[in-house]
N, C-alpha and C. Protein backbone atom coordinates (compact mmCIF):
# COMPACT_ATOMS: atom_id res chain seq x y z
N UNK A 1 -100.13 208.71 -14.95
CA UNK A 1 -99.59 207.34 -14.71
C UNK A 1 -98.30 207.86 -15.44
N UNK A 2 -96.71 207.49 -15.40
CA UNK A 2 -95.66 207.92 -16.81
C UNK A 2 -95.37 206.76 -17.29
N UNK A 3 -95.58 206.90 -18.32
CA UNK A 3 -94.81 205.22 -18.58
C UNK A 3 -93.36 205.66 -19.21
N UNK A 4 -92.35 204.62 -18.89
CA UNK A 4 -90.88 204.55 -18.91
C UNK A 4 -90.50 204.34 -20.55
N UNK A 5 -89.65 204.88 -21.78
CA UNK A 5 -89.58 204.07 -22.49
C UNK A 5 -87.74 204.04 -22.46
N UNK A 6 -87.86 202.69 -23.10
CA UNK A 6 -86.69 201.87 -22.82
C UNK A 6 -86.14 202.54 -24.07
N UNK A 7 -84.74 203.11 -23.81
CA UNK A 7 -83.91 203.46 -25.15
C UNK A 7 -82.54 202.12 -25.30
N UNK A 8 -81.66 202.24 -26.54
CA UNK A 8 -81.00 201.78 -26.46
C UNK A 8 -79.75 202.68 -26.69
N UNK A 9 -79.87 203.60 -26.02
CA UNK A 9 -78.36 204.70 -26.09
C UNK A 9 -77.69 203.97 -25.29
N UNK A 10 -75.84 204.13 -25.29
CA UNK A 10 -74.91 203.32 -24.84
C UNK A 10 -74.72 202.70 -25.77
N UNK A 11 -75.31 201.02 -26.04
CA UNK A 11 -74.53 200.35 -27.24
C UNK A 11 -73.69 200.41 -27.85
N UNK A 12 -74.17 201.91 -28.68
CA UNK A 12 -72.87 201.73 -29.55
C UNK A 12 -71.49 201.54 -29.25
N UNK A 13 -70.93 202.29 -28.03
CA UNK A 13 -70.42 202.35 -27.00
C UNK A 13 -69.95 201.06 -26.95
N UNK A 14 -70.85 200.00 -26.54
CA UNK A 14 -69.59 198.96 -26.09
C UNK A 14 -69.72 198.02 -27.57
N UNK A 15 -70.50 198.42 -28.89
CA UNK A 15 -69.58 198.43 -29.54
C UNK A 15 -68.59 198.00 -30.36
N UNK A 16 -68.59 199.47 -29.73
CA UNK A 16 -67.03 200.30 -30.65
C UNK A 16 -66.55 200.00 -29.86
N UNK A 17 -66.24 200.06 -28.67
CA UNK A 17 -64.93 199.69 -27.79
C UNK A 17 -64.79 197.88 -27.97
N UNK A 18 -65.72 197.06 -28.04
CA UNK A 18 -65.13 195.81 -28.36
C UNK A 18 -64.45 195.76 -29.92
N UNK A 19 -65.10 196.32 -30.60
CA UNK A 19 -64.36 196.71 -32.19
C UNK A 19 -62.92 196.56 -31.70
N UNK A 20 -62.46 197.83 -31.14
CA UNK A 20 -61.54 198.53 -30.48
C UNK A 20 -60.59 197.21 -30.01
N UNK A 21 -61.48 197.08 -29.00
CA UNK A 21 -60.06 195.60 -28.44
C UNK A 21 -59.88 194.44 -29.28
N UNK A 22 -60.45 194.22 -30.43
CA UNK A 22 -60.42 193.04 -30.69
C UNK A 22 -59.65 193.61 -32.24
N UNK A 23 -59.49 194.73 -32.57
CA UNK A 23 -58.39 195.59 -33.95
C UNK A 23 -57.21 195.77 -33.36
N UNK A 24 -56.64 195.66 -31.97
CA UNK A 24 -55.59 195.76 -31.03
C UNK A 24 -55.40 194.05 -30.99
N UNK A 25 -56.05 192.85 -30.52
CA UNK A 25 -55.60 191.99 -30.57
C UNK A 25 -54.99 191.01 -32.04
N UNK A 26 -55.86 191.80 -32.69
CA UNK A 26 -55.48 191.19 -34.14
C UNK A 26 -54.06 191.85 -34.51
N UNK A 27 -53.71 193.16 -34.30
CA UNK A 27 -52.47 194.03 -34.88
C UNK A 27 -50.92 193.30 -33.83
N UNK A 28 -51.93 193.61 -32.53
CA UNK A 28 -50.31 192.41 -31.93
C UNK A 28 -50.16 191.11 -31.87
N UNK A 29 -51.36 190.19 -32.20
CA UNK A 29 -50.77 188.93 -33.01
C UNK A 29 -50.46 189.01 -34.62
N UNK A 30 -50.10 189.97 -35.43
CA UNK A 30 -49.87 190.42 -36.79
C UNK A 30 -48.11 190.61 -36.63
N UNK A 31 -47.85 191.64 -35.94
CA UNK A 31 -46.63 192.16 -34.94
C UNK A 31 -46.41 190.89 -34.81
N UNK A 32 -46.69 189.77 -34.28
CA UNK A 32 -45.64 188.48 -33.50
C UNK A 32 -45.22 187.93 -34.18
N UNK A 33 -46.65 187.38 -34.96
CA UNK A 33 -46.10 186.17 -36.32
C UNK A 33 -45.51 186.94 -37.13
N UNK A 34 -45.12 188.55 -37.57
CA UNK A 34 -44.13 188.79 -38.75
C UNK A 34 -42.64 189.00 -38.13
N UNK A 35 -42.39 189.35 -36.60
CA UNK A 35 -41.89 189.03 -36.17
C UNK A 35 -40.78 187.81 -36.21
N UNK A 36 -41.96 186.65 -36.38
CA UNK A 36 -41.40 185.43 -36.07
C UNK A 36 -40.95 185.05 -37.35
N UNK A 37 -41.00 185.71 -38.49
CA UNK A 37 -40.90 185.11 -39.72
C UNK A 37 -40.11 185.72 -40.36
N UNK A 38 -39.76 186.77 -39.80
CA UNK A 38 -38.05 188.13 -40.36
C UNK A 38 -37.03 187.01 -39.14
N UNK A 39 -37.43 186.70 -37.87
CA UNK A 39 -36.39 185.69 -36.99
C UNK A 39 -35.90 184.77 -37.74
N UNK A 40 -36.62 184.04 -38.29
CA UNK A 40 -36.55 182.53 -39.37
C UNK A 40 -35.65 183.17 -40.37
N UNK A 41 -36.09 184.05 -41.45
CA UNK A 41 -35.63 184.30 -42.34
C UNK A 41 -34.27 184.65 -42.04
N UNK A 42 -34.39 185.24 -40.80
CA UNK A 42 -32.80 185.92 -40.81
C UNK A 42 -31.62 184.72 -40.61
N UNK A 43 -32.70 184.25 -40.08
CA UNK A 43 -31.24 182.44 -39.42
C UNK A 43 -31.28 181.67 -40.49
N UNK A 44 -31.87 182.04 -41.60
CA UNK A 44 -31.64 181.06 -42.79
C UNK A 44 -31.13 181.61 -43.62
N UNK A 45 -31.04 183.10 -44.11
CA UNK A 45 -29.84 183.56 -44.77
C UNK A 45 -28.11 183.72 -43.49
N UNK A 46 -28.21 183.50 -42.39
CA UNK A 46 -27.17 183.80 -41.81
C UNK A 46 -26.83 181.87 -41.94
N UNK A 47 -28.20 180.75 -42.04
CA UNK A 47 -27.07 179.33 -42.27
C UNK A 47 -26.58 179.25 -43.90
N UNK A 48 -27.49 180.05 -44.45
CA UNK A 48 -26.76 179.94 -46.08
C UNK A 48 -25.02 180.19 -45.95
N UNK A 49 -24.90 181.51 -45.50
CA UNK A 49 -23.97 182.56 -45.62
C UNK A 49 -23.13 181.36 -44.67
N UNK A 50 -23.41 180.82 -43.70
CA UNK A 50 -22.15 180.04 -42.65
C UNK A 50 -21.92 179.13 -44.07
N UNK A 51 -23.07 178.50 -44.71
CA UNK A 51 -22.44 176.80 -45.31
C UNK A 51 -22.15 176.96 -46.57
N UNK A 52 -21.43 178.49 -47.27
CA UNK A 52 -21.01 178.58 -47.97
C UNK A 52 -19.51 179.59 -47.45
N UNK A 53 -19.53 179.89 -46.52
CA UNK A 53 -18.22 180.23 -45.95
C UNK A 53 -17.48 178.68 -45.75
N UNK A 54 -18.21 177.95 -45.07
CA UNK A 54 -17.71 176.75 -44.54
C UNK A 54 -16.87 175.48 -46.23
N UNK A 55 -17.70 175.48 -47.03
CA UNK A 55 -17.03 175.12 -48.53
C UNK A 55 -15.66 175.36 -48.59
N UNK A 56 -15.03 176.81 -47.89
CA UNK A 56 -13.80 176.79 -48.05
C UNK A 56 -12.70 177.28 -47.25
N UNK A 57 -13.34 177.73 -45.92
CA UNK A 57 -12.73 177.52 -45.13
C UNK A 57 -13.16 176.48 -43.59
N UNK A 58 -13.79 176.12 -43.91
CA UNK A 58 -13.90 174.81 -42.81
C UNK A 58 -15.20 175.74 -41.61
N UNK A 59 -15.55 174.71 -41.22
CA UNK A 59 -15.87 175.11 -39.54
C UNK A 59 -15.85 176.26 -39.05
N UNK A 60 -14.50 177.09 -38.91
CA UNK A 60 -14.21 178.72 -38.14
C UNK A 60 -14.65 179.31 -39.14
N UNK A 61 -14.63 179.18 -40.60
CA UNK A 61 -14.89 180.82 -41.44
C UNK A 61 -16.54 180.22 -41.47
N UNK A 62 -16.83 179.12 -41.15
CA UNK A 62 -18.74 178.71 -40.92
C UNK A 62 -19.24 180.11 -39.97
N UNK A 63 -18.10 180.13 -38.93
CA UNK A 63 -18.85 180.40 -37.51
C UNK A 63 -18.71 181.44 -37.27
N UNK A 64 -17.38 182.00 -37.91
CA UNK A 64 -17.23 184.33 -38.29
C UNK A 64 -18.92 184.17 -39.19
N UNK A 65 -18.94 183.57 -40.48
CA UNK A 65 -19.61 184.48 -41.02
C UNK A 65 -21.30 184.37 -40.37
N UNK A 66 -21.50 183.35 -39.38
CA UNK A 66 -22.75 183.10 -38.78
C UNK A 66 -22.70 184.07 -37.66
N UNK A 67 -21.40 184.42 -37.09
CA UNK A 67 -21.57 185.32 -36.41
C UNK A 67 -21.44 186.81 -36.12
N UNK A 68 -21.30 187.32 -37.43
CA UNK A 68 -21.40 188.49 -38.45
C UNK A 68 -23.09 188.48 -38.55
N UNK A 69 -23.71 187.44 -39.18
CA UNK A 69 -24.91 187.67 -39.08
C UNK A 69 -26.07 187.22 -38.06
N UNK A 70 -25.48 187.34 -37.00
CA UNK A 70 -26.22 187.14 -35.86
C UNK A 70 -26.84 185.66 -35.01
N UNK A 71 -26.08 184.45 -36.01
CA UNK A 71 -26.21 183.63 -35.38
C UNK A 71 -25.17 182.46 -34.43
N UNK A 72 -24.96 181.56 -34.40
CA UNK A 72 -24.58 180.94 -33.59
C UNK A 72 -24.81 179.19 -34.52
N UNK A 73 -23.45 178.49 -34.61
CA UNK A 73 -23.23 177.67 -35.43
C UNK A 73 -24.01 176.39 -34.41
N UNK A 74 -25.22 176.08 -34.33
CA UNK A 74 -24.98 174.44 -33.96
C UNK A 74 -24.92 173.01 -34.42
N UNK A 75 -24.35 173.11 -36.22
CA UNK A 75 -24.35 171.84 -36.50
C UNK A 75 -23.31 171.76 -37.32
N UNK A 76 -22.09 171.39 -37.42
CA UNK A 76 -21.67 171.55 -38.64
C UNK A 76 -20.67 170.12 -39.74
N UNK A 77 -21.18 169.49 -40.68
CA UNK A 77 -21.18 168.80 -41.40
C UNK A 77 -20.26 168.86 -42.54
N UNK A 78 -19.24 168.35 -43.27
CA UNK A 78 -18.37 168.48 -44.15
C UNK A 78 -18.25 166.95 -45.04
N UNK A 79 -18.89 166.14 -45.62
CA UNK A 79 -18.90 165.24 -46.44
C UNK A 79 -18.55 164.94 -47.61
N UNK A 80 -17.21 165.17 -48.14
CA UNK A 80 -17.21 164.65 -48.97
C UNK A 80 -16.76 166.35 -49.85
N UNK A 81 -17.15 166.86 -51.03
CA UNK A 81 -17.52 168.50 -51.17
C UNK A 81 -19.51 168.76 -50.82
N UNK A 82 -20.47 168.08 -49.78
CA UNK A 82 -21.05 168.61 -49.17
C UNK A 82 -21.21 169.79 -48.10
N UNK A 83 -21.07 171.15 -47.45
CA UNK A 83 -21.16 171.27 -46.30
C UNK A 83 -22.62 171.31 -45.64
N UNK A 84 -23.25 170.81 -44.96
CA UNK A 84 -23.94 170.99 -44.27
C UNK A 84 -23.91 171.89 -42.64
N UNK A 85 -24.91 172.84 -42.53
CA UNK A 85 -24.12 173.91 -40.94
C UNK A 85 -26.05 174.25 -41.21
N UNK A 86 -26.44 174.36 -39.71
CA UNK A 86 -26.92 174.51 -39.13
C UNK A 86 -27.18 175.70 -37.89
N UNK A 87 -26.93 176.50 -37.94
CA UNK A 87 -27.12 178.30 -36.92
C UNK A 87 -28.46 178.44 -36.48
N UNK A 88 -28.39 178.93 -35.74
CA UNK A 88 -29.85 179.83 -34.49
C UNK A 88 -29.56 181.16 -34.76
N UNK A 89 -30.31 181.49 -34.49
CA UNK A 89 -30.38 183.13 -34.30
C UNK A 89 -31.49 183.15 -33.63
N UNK A 90 -31.81 183.78 -32.46
CA UNK A 90 -32.52 183.53 -31.55
C UNK A 90 -33.15 182.82 -31.17
N UNK A 91 -34.24 182.84 -31.20
CA UNK A 91 -35.33 181.09 -31.14
C UNK A 91 -35.50 180.59 -32.04
N UNK A 92 -35.22 180.79 -33.14
CA UNK A 92 -35.30 180.19 -34.74
C UNK A 92 -34.08 179.52 -35.06
N UNK A 93 -33.97 178.50 -35.84
CA UNK A 93 -32.95 177.46 -36.14
C UNK A 93 -33.08 177.12 -37.37
N UNK A 94 -32.12 176.96 -38.16
CA UNK A 94 -32.01 176.68 -39.70
C UNK A 94 -30.89 176.58 -40.22
N UNK A 95 -31.27 174.73 -41.30
CA UNK A 95 -30.20 174.45 -42.28
C UNK A 95 -30.11 174.88 -43.20
N UNK A 96 -28.38 175.21 -43.32
CA UNK A 96 -28.00 174.84 -45.17
C UNK A 96 -27.04 174.00 -45.23
N UNK A 97 -27.24 173.70 -46.89
CA UNK A 97 -26.21 173.12 -47.09
C UNK A 97 -25.76 173.68 -48.76
N UNK A 98 -23.86 173.21 -48.47
CA UNK A 98 -23.72 173.98 -50.00
C UNK A 98 -22.24 173.27 -50.86
N UNK A 99 -21.99 173.58 -52.04
CA UNK A 99 -21.33 172.43 -52.32
C UNK A 99 -20.00 173.00 -52.54
N UNK A 100 -18.33 173.05 -53.05
CA UNK A 100 -17.94 173.88 -53.50
C UNK A 100 -17.94 172.71 -55.08
N UNK A 101 -18.48 171.70 -55.55
CA UNK A 101 -18.43 171.13 -56.95
C UNK A 101 -19.16 172.60 -57.53
N UNK A 102 -18.43 172.29 -58.88
CA UNK A 102 -19.27 173.65 -59.93
C UNK A 102 -20.43 172.80 -60.36
């Protein structure tokens, strides 16, 4: 009678495949998160520039500068020397304030 021995060949392949899948999922999640961070920073830059432009040229100047930076002004207020602008770039929204005072 012949006795069969159990071998564990092939387990390394399954483990390697699981490791590759995990690495791919991690890279995709990291890339998506990085993209969101970049979009958020882009929105903040557009809001900062629009607020500064708004202190000298009003809403029209803020809208022009926001558009030049890929954004859309969704909120604008001017109280005294302080301008507050809210800008949307893609799905990110950012708010910035600027003043004419020294």
